[in-house]
Amino acid sequence: RAVCRYYNDSTGWLSASIGQALQRHAGAAGVSACFRRFRFLEYAPHSGGLPPHIDLVRTDPLSHVRSTHTLILYLSSCPSGGQTVLLDPQSGPPRATVSPMRNRLLLFPHRCLHEARPTDSYKLLLRGELY
């Protein structure tokens, strides 16, 4: 299981930077901004992964905007395991398998079924909400 710590971007520098990058590169995904509240997820070696699930829609307490997509920024690399696997809901082959590499950014819709595979090494990521 992951240890979760929250980060509130009170000055807006991180969410503004991510928003600018989204506008330049992720327009096709239909997202343009992110919430100011993030979670650091920390996985210890041999701590297991997460079973298949979808991410919940969250509502920003200030703007009342609802999130539509998940943002994962990998802050560490895992030489073995730790992949995020985007699954086919009809039990077909995985749609994508993403290995954790430091500075890799992964965006996907909340409704996309996915899992986190166990890792043999330390894994740290930043998790955010997009809309």
Foldseek 3Di string as FASTA:
>chain_A
DWDKDKDAQVVCPVFVVVLVVCVVPVVVVVWRTWHRMKIKTKAAAPRWKFPKDFADWDARPPPRDIFWKKKKAWQAFAPFFFWKWFDDPVRDDTPDTGGRHHRDMDMDTRPTIIMTGHGRHMTIIMMTTTD
